[in-house]
């Protein structure tokens, strides 16, 4: 699986999300996901939302590991 495929899955399955995904070996990835859907959610709930967008790709080993950082648009703006 390519990083771009993961980006598309996240953005397709999580409304109003913007994702940046990196990973060169096809199995280990890192993602930054920005979505207003994260508002009021804790870190674990946000991670669960992203895992849900990836379906069985984690369970079947297609994605061996993914590091995820999540932000609301407001949190993202405060970082800059």
PDB file of N, CA and C in Angstrom:
ATOM      1  N   UNK A   1       0.848  -1.174   0.000  1.00  0.00           N
ATOM      2  CA  UNK A   1       0.000   0.000   0.000  1.00  0.00           C
ATOM      3  C   UNK A   1       0.894   1.237   0.000  1.00  0.00           C
ATOM      4  N   UNK A   2       0.436   2.246  -0.695  1.00  0.00           N
ATOM      5  CA  UNK A   2       1.196   3.487  -0.790  1.00  0.00           C
ATOM      6  C   UNK A   2       0.629   4.529   0.173  1.00  0.00           C
ATOM      7  N   UNK A   3       1.451   5.482   0.527  1.00  0.00           N
ATOM      8  CA  UNK A   3       1.025   6.563   1.424  1.00  0.00           C
ATOM      9  C   UNK A   3      -0.170   7.307   0.830  1.00  0.00           C
ATOM     10  N   UNK A   4      -0.164   7.504  -0.483  1.00  0.00           N
ATOM     11  CA  UNK A   4      -1.265   8.208  -1.131  1.00  0.00           C
ATOM     12  C   UNK A   4      -2.586   7.435  -1.006  1.00  0.00           C
ATOM     13  N   UNK A   5      -2.514   6.103  -1.017  1.00  0.00           N
ATOM     14  CA  UNK A   5      -3.715   5.282  -0.845  1.00  0.00           C
ATOM     15  C   UNK A   5      -4.316   5.487   0.543  1.00  0.00           C
ATOM     16  N   UNK A   6      -3.455   5.568   1.550  1.00  0.00           N
ATOM     17  CA  UNK A   6      -3.920   5.774   2.919  1.00  0.00           C
ATOM     18  C   UNK A   6      -4.533   7.165   3.051  1.00  0.00           C
ATOM     19  N   UNK A   7      -3.886   8.154   2.461  1.00  0.00           N
ATOM     20  CA  UNK A   7      -4.423   9.522   2.468  1.00  0.00           C
ATOM     21  C   UNK A   7      -5.836   9.535   1.893  1.00  0.00           C
ATOM     22  N   UNK A   8      -6.018   8.879   0.759  1.00  0.00           N
ATOM     23  CA  UNK A   8      -7.327   8.840   0.105  1.00  0.00           C
ATOM     24  C   UNK A   8      -8.367   8.143   0.971  1.00  0.00           C
ATOM     25  N   UNK A   9      -7.998   7.044   1.612  1.00  0.00           N
ATOM     26  CA  UNK A   9      -8.927   6.333   2.495  1.00  0.00           C
ATOM     27  C   UNK A   9      -9.380   7.219   3.645  1.00  0.00           C
ATOM     28  N   UNK A  10      -8.431   7.894   4.269  1.00  0.00           N
ATOM     29  CA  UNK A  10      -8.762   8.762   5.399  1.00  0.00           C
ATOM     30  C   UNK A  10      -9.676   9.893   4.949  1.00  0.00           C
ATOM     31  N   UNK A  11      -9.301  10.568   3.886  1.00  0.00           N
ATOM     32  CA  UNK A  11     -10.078  11.719   3.428  1.00  0.00           C
ATOM     33  C   UNK A  11     -11.448  11.317   2.885  1.00  0.00           C
ATOM     34  N   UNK A  12     -11.552  10.136   2.324  1.00  0.00           N
ATOM     35  CA  UNK A  12     -12.842   9.647   1.820  1.00  0.00           C
ATOM     36  C   UNK A  12     -13.781   9.279   2.963  1.00  0.00           C
ATOM     37  N   UNK A  13     -13.236   8.664   4.004  1.00  0.00           N
ATOM     38  CA  UNK A  13     -14.062   8.100   5.077  1.00  0.00           C
ATOM     39  C   UNK A  13     -14.204   8.972   6.314  1.00  0.00           C
ATOM     40  N   UNK A  14     -13.500  10.088   6.367  1.00  0.00           N
ATOM     41  CA  UNK A  14     -13.626  11.008   7.496  1.00  0.00           C
ATOM     42  C   UNK A  14     -14.000  12.382   6.931  1.00  0.00           C
ATOM     43  N   UNK A  15     -15.256  12.781   7.109  1.00  0.00           N
ATOM     44  CA  UNK A  15     -15.735  14.027   6.516  1.00  0.00           C
ATOM     45  C   UNK A  15     -14.856  15.231   6.866  1.00  0.00           C
ATOM     46  N   UNK A  16     -14.612  16.052   5.880  1.00  0.00           N
ATOM     47  CA  UNK A  16     -13.881  17.316   6.044  1.00  0.00           C
ATOM     48  C   UNK A  16     -12.456  17.152   6.549  1.00  0.00           C
ATOM     49  N   UNK A  17     -11.866  15.989   6.342  1.00  0.00           N
ATOM     50  CA  UNK A  17     -10.501  15.747   6.811  1.00  0.00           C
ATOM     51  C   UNK A  17      -9.489  16.131   5.742  1.00  0.00           C
ATOM     52  N   UNK A  18      -8.334  16.552   6.222  1.00  0.00           N
ATOM     53  CA  UNK A  18      -7.176  16.795   5.375  1.00  0.00           C
ATOM     54  C   UNK A  18      -6.035  15.970   5.956  1.00  0.00           C
ATOM     55  N   UNK A  19      -5.453  15.107   5.147  1.00  0.00           N
ATOM     56  CA  UNK A  19      -4.418  14.202   5.654  1.00  0.00           C
ATOM     57  C   UNK A  19      -3.120  14.362   4.877  1.00  0.00           C
ATOM     58  N   UNK A  20      -2.031  14.218   5.594  1.00  0.00           N
ATOM     59  CA  UNK A  20      -0.703  14.119   5.014  1.00  0.00           C
ATOM     60  C   UNK A  20      -0.136  12.798   5.509  1.00  0.00           C
ATOM     61  N   UNK A  21       0.243  11.931   4.583  1.00  0.00           N
ATOM     62  CA  UNK A  21       0.735  10.608   4.965  1.00  0.00           C
ATOM     63  C   UNK A  21       2.083  10.382   4.307  1.00  0.00           C
ATOM     64  N   UNK A  22       3.015   9.871   5.101  1.00  0.00           N
ATOM     65  CA  UNK A  22       4.349   9.548   4.585  1.00  0.00           C
ATOM     66  C   UNK A  22       4.686   8.105   4.930  1.00  0.00           C
ATOM     67  N   UNK A  23       5.516   7.517   4.114  1.00  0.00           N
ATOM     68  CA  UNK A  23       5.976   6.152   4.348  1.00  0.00           C
ATOM     69  C   UNK A  23       6.572   5.615   3.076  1.00  0.00           C
ATOM     70  N   UNK A  24       7.815   5.229   3.140  1.00  0.00           N
ATOM     71  CA  UNK A  24       8.519   4.824   1.925  1.00  0.00           C
ATOM     72  C   UNK A  24       8.598   3.318   1.715  1.00  0.00           C
ATOM     73  N   UNK A  25       8.402   2.542   2.801  1.00  0.00           N
ATOM     74  CA  UNK A  25       8.586   1.102   2.641  1.00  0.00           C
ATOM     75  C   UNK A  25       7.290   0.351   2.340  1.00  0.00           C
ATOM     76  N   UNK A  26       6.163   1.054   2.296  1.00  0.00           N
ATOM     77  CA  UNK A  26       4.897   0.418   1.967  1.00  0.00           C
ATOM     78  C   UNK A  26       4.218  -0.290   3.117  1.00  0.00           C
ATOM     79  N   UNK A  27       4.807  -0.246   4.318  1.00  0.00           N
ATOM     80  CA  UNK A  27       4.202  -0.927   5.470  1.00  0.00           C
ATOM     81  C   UNK A  27       4.199  -0.087   6.735  1.00  0.00           C
ATOM     82  N   UNK A  28       5.108   0.869   6.822  1.00  0.00           N
ATOM     83  CA  UNK A  28       5.225   1.737   7.999  1.00  0.00           C
ATOM     84  C   UNK A  28       4.953   3.176   7.563  1.00  0.00           C
ATOM     85  N   UNK A  29       4.002   3.807   8.247  1.00  0.00           N
ATOM     86  CA  UNK A  29       3.564   5.117   7.806  1.00  0.00           C
ATOM     87  C   UNK A  29       3.442   6.082   8.978  1.00  0.00           C
ATOM     88  N   UNK A  30       3.434   7.362   8.655  1.00  0.00           N
ATOM     89  CA  UNK A  30       3.098   8.397   9.632  1.00  0.00           C
ATOM     90  C   UNK A  30       2.079   9.309   8.975  1.00  0.00           C
ATOM     91  N   UNK A  31       1.116   9.752   9.782  1.00  0.00           N
ATOM     92  CA  UNK A  31       0.043  10.579   9.241  1.00  0.00           C
ATOM     93  C   UNK A  31      -0.242  11.758  10.158  1.00  0.00           C
ATOM     94  N   UNK A  32      -0.543  12.873   9.542  1.00  0.00           N
ATOM     95  CA  UNK A  32      -1.075  14.038  10.241  1.00  0.00           C
ATOM     96  C   UNK A  32      -2.462  14.247   9.644  1.00  0.00           C
ATOM     97  N   UNK A  33      -3.459  14.253  10.515  1.00  0.00           N
ATOM     98  CA  UNK A  33      -4.836  14.391  10.051  1.00  0.00           C
ATOM     99  C   UNK A  33      -5.484  15.576  10.763  1.00  0.00           C
ATOM    100  N   UNK A  34      -6.063  16.457   9.970  1.00  0.00           N
ATOM    101  CA  UNK A  34      -6.737  17.643  10.495  1.00  0.00           C
ATOM    102  C   UNK A  34      -8.213  17.531  10.134  1.00  0.00           C
ATOM    103  N   UNK A  35      -9.079  17.619  11.143  1.00  0.00           N
ATOM    104  CA  UNK A  35     -10.510  17.510  10.880  1.00  0.00           C
ATOM    105  C   UNK A  35     -11.307  18.184  11.987  1.00  0.00           C
ATOM    106  N   UNK A  36     -12.369  18.898  11.630  1.00  0.00           N
ATOM    107  CA  UNK A  36     -13.252  19.461  12.644  1.00  0.00           C
ATOM    108  C   UNK A  36     -14.002  18.367  13.405  1.00  0.00           C
ATOM    109  N   UNK A  37     -14.035  17.159  12.855  1.00  0.00           N
ATOM    110  CA  UNK A  37     -14.699  16.031  13.512  1.00  0.00           C
ATOM    111  C   UNK A  37     -14.003  15.636  14.815  1.00  0.00           C
ATOM    112  N   UNK A  38     -12.773  16.072  15.010  1.00  0.00           N
ATOM    113  CA  UNK A  38     -12.026  15.744  16.227  1.00  0.00           C
ATOM    114  C   UNK A  38     -12.410  16.620  17.417  1.00  0.00           C
ATOM    115  N   UNK A  39     -13.164  17.663  17.163  1.00  0.00           N
ATOM    116  CA  UNK A  39     -13.546  18.591  18.230  1.00  0.00           C
ATOM    117  C   UNK A  39     -14.285  17.838  19.338  1.00  0.00           C
ATOM    118  N   UNK A  40     -13.826  18.037  20.576  1.00  0.00           N
ATOM    119  CA  UNK A  40     -14.451  17.393  21.724  1.00  0.00           C
ATOM    120  C   UNK A  40     -14.053  15.952  21.942  1.00  0.00           C
ATOM    121  N   UNK A  41     -13.178  15.416  21.095  1.00  0.00           N
ATOM    122  CA  UNK A  41     -12.731  14.025  21.214  1.00  0.00           C
ATOM    123  C   UNK A  41     -11.348  13.984  21.853  1.00  0.00           C
ATOM    124  N   UNK A  42     -11.106  12.951  22.679  1.00  0.00           N
ATOM    125  CA  UNK A  42      -9.781  12.791  23.257  1.00  0.00           C
ATOM    126  C   UNK A  42      -8.871  12.069  22.248  1.00  0.00           C
ATOM    127  N   UNK A  43      -7.610  11.940  22.607  1.00  0.00           N
ATOM    128  CA  UNK A  43      -6.614  11.361  21.696  1.00  0.00           C
ATOM    129  C   UNK A  43      -6.986   9.936  21.269  1.00  0.00           C
ATOM    130  N   UNK A  44      -7.465   9.128  22.202  1.00  0.00           N
ATOM    131  CA  UNK A  44      -7.816   7.735  21.879  1.00  0.00           C
ATOM    132  C   UNK A  44      -9.009   7.688  20.929  1.00  0.00           C
ATOM    133  N   UNK A  45     -10.015   8.507  21.175  1.00  0.00           N
ATOM    134  CA  UNK A  45     -11.175   8.545  20.286  1.00  0.00           C
ATOM    135  C   UNK A  45     -10.778   8.972  18.876  1.00  0.00           C
ATOM    136  N   UNK A  46      -9.874   9.914  18.791  1.00  0.00           N
ATOM    137  CA  UNK A  46      -9.400  10.365  17.480  1.00  0.00           C
ATOM    138  C   UNK A  46      -8.664   9.249  16.752  1.00  0.00           C
ATOM    139  N   UNK A  47      -7.800   8.528  17.474  1.00  0.00           N
ATOM    140  CA  UNK A  47      -7.064   7.409  16.877  1.00  0.00           C
ATOM    141  C   UNK A  47      -8.042   6.348  16.369  1.00  0.00           C
ATOM    142  N   UNK A  48      -9.069   6.073  17.166  1.00  0.00           N
ATOM    143  CA  UNK A  48     -10.064   5.083  16.770  1.00  0.00           C
ATOM    144  C   UNK A  48     -10.787   5.515  15.497  1.00  0.00           C
ATOM    145  N   UNK A  49     -11.060   6.796  15.378  1.00  0.00           N
ATOM    146  CA  UNK A  49     -11.718   7.307  14.178  1.00  0.00           C
ATOM    147  C   UNK A  49     -10.854   7.062  12.939  1.00  0.00           C
ATOM    148  N   UNK A  50      -9.559   7.288  13.072  1.00  0.00           N
ATOM    149  CA  UNK A  50      -8.649   7.072  11.934  1.00  0.00           C
ATOM    150  C   UNK A  50      -8.542   5.584  11.621  1.00  0.00           C
ATOM    151  N   UNK A  51      -8.396   4.757  12.636  1.00  0.00           N
ATOM    152  CA  UNK A  51      -8.305   3.311  12.410  1.00  0.00           C
ATOM    153  C   UNK A  51      -9.554   2.803  11.689  1.00  0.00           C
ATOM    154  N   UNK A  52     -10.704   3.348  12.036  1.00  0.00           N
ATOM    155  CA  UNK A  52     -11.951   2.941  11.376  1.00  0.00           C
ATOM    156  C   UNK A  52     -11.913   3.284   9.892  1.00  0.00           C
ATOM    157  N   UNK A  53     -11.327   4.409   9.532  1.00  0.00           N
ATOM    158  CA  UNK A  53     -11.265   4.796   8.115  1.00  0.00           C
ATOM    159  C   UNK A  53     -10.382   3.853   7.305  1.00  0.00           C
ATOM    160  N   UNK A  54      -9.458   3.187   7.974  1.00  0.00           N
ATOM    161  CA  UNK A  54      -8.518   2.311   7.270  1.00  0.00           C
ATOM    162  C   UNK A  54      -9.031   0.885   7.139  1.00  0.00           C
ATOM    163  N   UNK A  55     -10.202   0.626   7.720  1.00  0.00           N
ATOM    164  CA  UNK A  55     -10.827  -0.683   7.566  1.00  0.00           C
ATOM    165  C   UNK A  55      -9.941  -1.804   8.054  1.00  0.00           C
ATOM    166  N   UNK A  56      -9.874  -2.857   7.287  1.00  0.00           N
ATOM    167  CA  UNK A  56      -9.114  -4.050   7.675  1.00  0.00           C
ATOM    168  C   UNK A  56      -7.644  -3.995   7.285  1.00  0.00           C
ATOM    169  N   UNK A  57      -7.198  -2.883   6.713  1.00  0.00           N
ATOM    170  CA  UNK A  57      -5.813  -2.808   6.244  1.00  0.00           C
ATOM    171  C   UNK A  57      -4.802  -2.928   7.382  1.00  0.00           C
ATOM    172  N   UNK A  58      -5.198  -2.542   8.580  1.00  0.00           N
ATOM    173  CA  UNK A  58      -4.317  -2.717   9.738  1.00  0.00           C
ATOM    174  C   UNK A  58      -4.410  -4.159  10.233  1.00  0.00           C
ATOM    175  N   UNK A  59      -5.628  -4.663  10.349  1.00  0.00           N
ATOM    176  CA  UNK A  59      -5.838  -6.027  10.854  1.00  0.00           C
ATOM    177  C   UNK A  59      -5.219  -7.093   9.972  1.00  0.00           C
ATOM    178  N   UNK A  60      -5.249  -6.893   8.656  1.00  0.00           N
ATOM    179  CA  UNK A  60      -4.702  -7.918   7.768  1.00  0.00           C
ATOM    180  C   UNK A  60      -3.204  -7.757   7.505  1.00  0.00           C
ATOM    181  N   UNK A  61      -2.593  -6.711   8.107  1.00  0.00           N
ATOM    182  CA  UNK A  61      -1.151  -6.533   7.990  1.00  0.00           C
ATOM    183  C   UNK A  61      -0.707  -5.726   6.780  1.00  0.00           C
ATOM    184  N   UNK A  62      -1.656  -5.273   5.942  1.00  0.00           N
ATOM    185  CA  UNK A  62      -1.279  -4.437   4.801  1.00  0.00           C
ATOM    186  C   UNK A  62      -0.559  -3.192   5.295  1.00  0.00           C
ATOM    187  N   UNK A  63      -1.097  -2.623   6.369  1.00  0.00           N
ATOM    188  CA  UNK A  63      -0.431  -1.521   7.056  1.00  0.00           C
ATOM    189  C   UNK A  63       0.127  -2.113   8.350  1.00  0.00           C
ATOM    190  N   UNK A  64       1.421  -2.252   8.411  1.00  0.00           N
ATOM    191  CA  UNK A  64       2.036  -2.865   9.582  1.00  0.00           C
ATOM    192  C   UNK A  64       2.036  -1.906  10.770  1.00  0.00           C
ATOM    193  N   UNK A  65       2.339  -0.645  10.516  1.00  0.00           N
ATOM    194  CA  UNK A  65       2.397   0.343  11.599  1.00  0.00           C
ATOM    195  C   UNK A  65       2.081   1.725  11.033  1.00  0.00           C
ATOM    196  N   UNK A  66       1.336   2.499  11.821  1.00  0.00           N
ATOM    197  CA  UNK A  66       1.057   3.878  11.427  1.00  0.00           C
ATOM    198  C   UNK A  66       1.061   4.752  12.671  1.00  0.00           C
ATOM    199  N   UNK A  67       1.842   5.794  12.614  1.00  0.00           N
ATOM    200  CA  UNK A  67       1.903   6.801  13.670  1.00  0.00           C
ATOM    201  C   UNK A  67       0.967   7.922  13.247  1.00  0.00           C
ATOM    202  N   UNK A  68       0.032   8.279  14.133  1.00  0.00           N
ATOM    203  CA  UNK A  68      -0.993   9.247  13.768  1.00  0.00           C
ATOM    204  C   UNK A  68      -0.973  10.433  14.725  1.00  0.00           C
ATOM    205  N   UNK A  69      -0.961  11.628  14.148  1.00  0.00           N
ATOM    206  CA  UNK A  69      -1.129  12.858  14.917  1.00  0.00           C
ATOM    207  C   UNK A  69      -2.395  13.518  14.404  1.00  0.00           C
ATOM    208  N   UNK A  70      -3.281  13.888  15.327  1.00  0.00           N
ATOM    209  CA  UNK A  70      -4.566  14.462  14.935  1.00  0.00           C
ATOM    210  C   UNK A  70      -4.738  15.853  15.513  1.00  0.00           C
ATOM    211  N   UNK A  71      -5.412  16.700  14.740  1.00  0.00           N
ATOM    212  CA  UNK A  71      -5.643  18.081  15.138  1.00  0.00           C
ATOM    213  C   UNK A  71      -6.995  18.545  14.624  1.00  0.00           C
ATOM    214  N   UNK A  72      -7.645  19.413  15.384  1.00  0.00           N
ATOM    215  CA  UNK A  72      -8.760  20.168  14.828  1.00  0.00           C
ATOM    216  C   UNK A  72      -8.131  21.300  14.020  1.00  0.00           C
ATOM    217  N   UNK A  73      -8.890  21.948  13.143  1.00  0.00           N
ATOM    218  CA  UNK A  73      -8.306  23.074  12.402  1.00  0.00           C
ATOM    219  C   UNK A  73      -7.762  24.162  13.336  1.00  0.00           C
ATOM    220  N   UNK A  74      -8.457  24.412  14.443  1.00  0.00           N
ATOM    221  CA  UNK A  74      -8.003  25.423  15.397  1.00  0.00           C
ATOM    222  C   UNK A  74      -6.692  25.020  16.060  1.00  0.00           C
ATOM    223  N   UNK A  75      -6.581  23.758  16.440  1.00  0.00           N
ATOM    224  CA  UNK A  75      -5.329  23.270  17.048  1.00  0.00           C
ATOM    225  C   UNK A  75      -4.181  23.370  16.054  1.00  0.00           C
ATOM    226  N   UNK A  76      -4.456  23.059  14.807  1.00  0.00           N
ATOM    227  CA  UNK A  76      -3.421  23.125  13.786  1.00  0.00           C
ATOM    228  C   UNK A  76      -2.934  24.549  13.586  1.00  0.00           C
ATOM    229  N   UNK A  77      -3.838  25.502  13.565  1.00  0.00           N
ATOM    230  CA  UNK A  77      -3.461  26.907  13.405  1.00  0.00           C
ATOM    231  C   UNK A  77      -2.624  27.389  14.581  1.00  0.00           C
ATOM    232  N   UNK A  78      -2.912  26.921  15.768  1.00  0.00           N
ATOM    233  CA  UNK A  78      -2.161  27.336  16.949  1.00  0.00           C
ATOM    234  C   UNK A  78      -0.728  26.815  16.923  1.00  0.00           C
ATOM    235  N   UNK A  79      -0.487  25.742  16.212  1.00  0.00           N
ATOM    236  CA  UNK A  79       0.862  25.171  16.113  1.00  0.00           C
ATOM    237  C   UNK A  79       1.763  26.042  15.255  1.00  0.00           C
ATOM    238  N   UNK A  80       1.198  26.750  14.313  1.00  0.00           N
ATOM    239  CA  UNK A  80       2.014  27.514  13.347  1.00  0.00           C
ATOM    240  C   UNK A  80       2.440  28.842  13.887  1.00  0.00           C
TER     241      UNK A  80
END
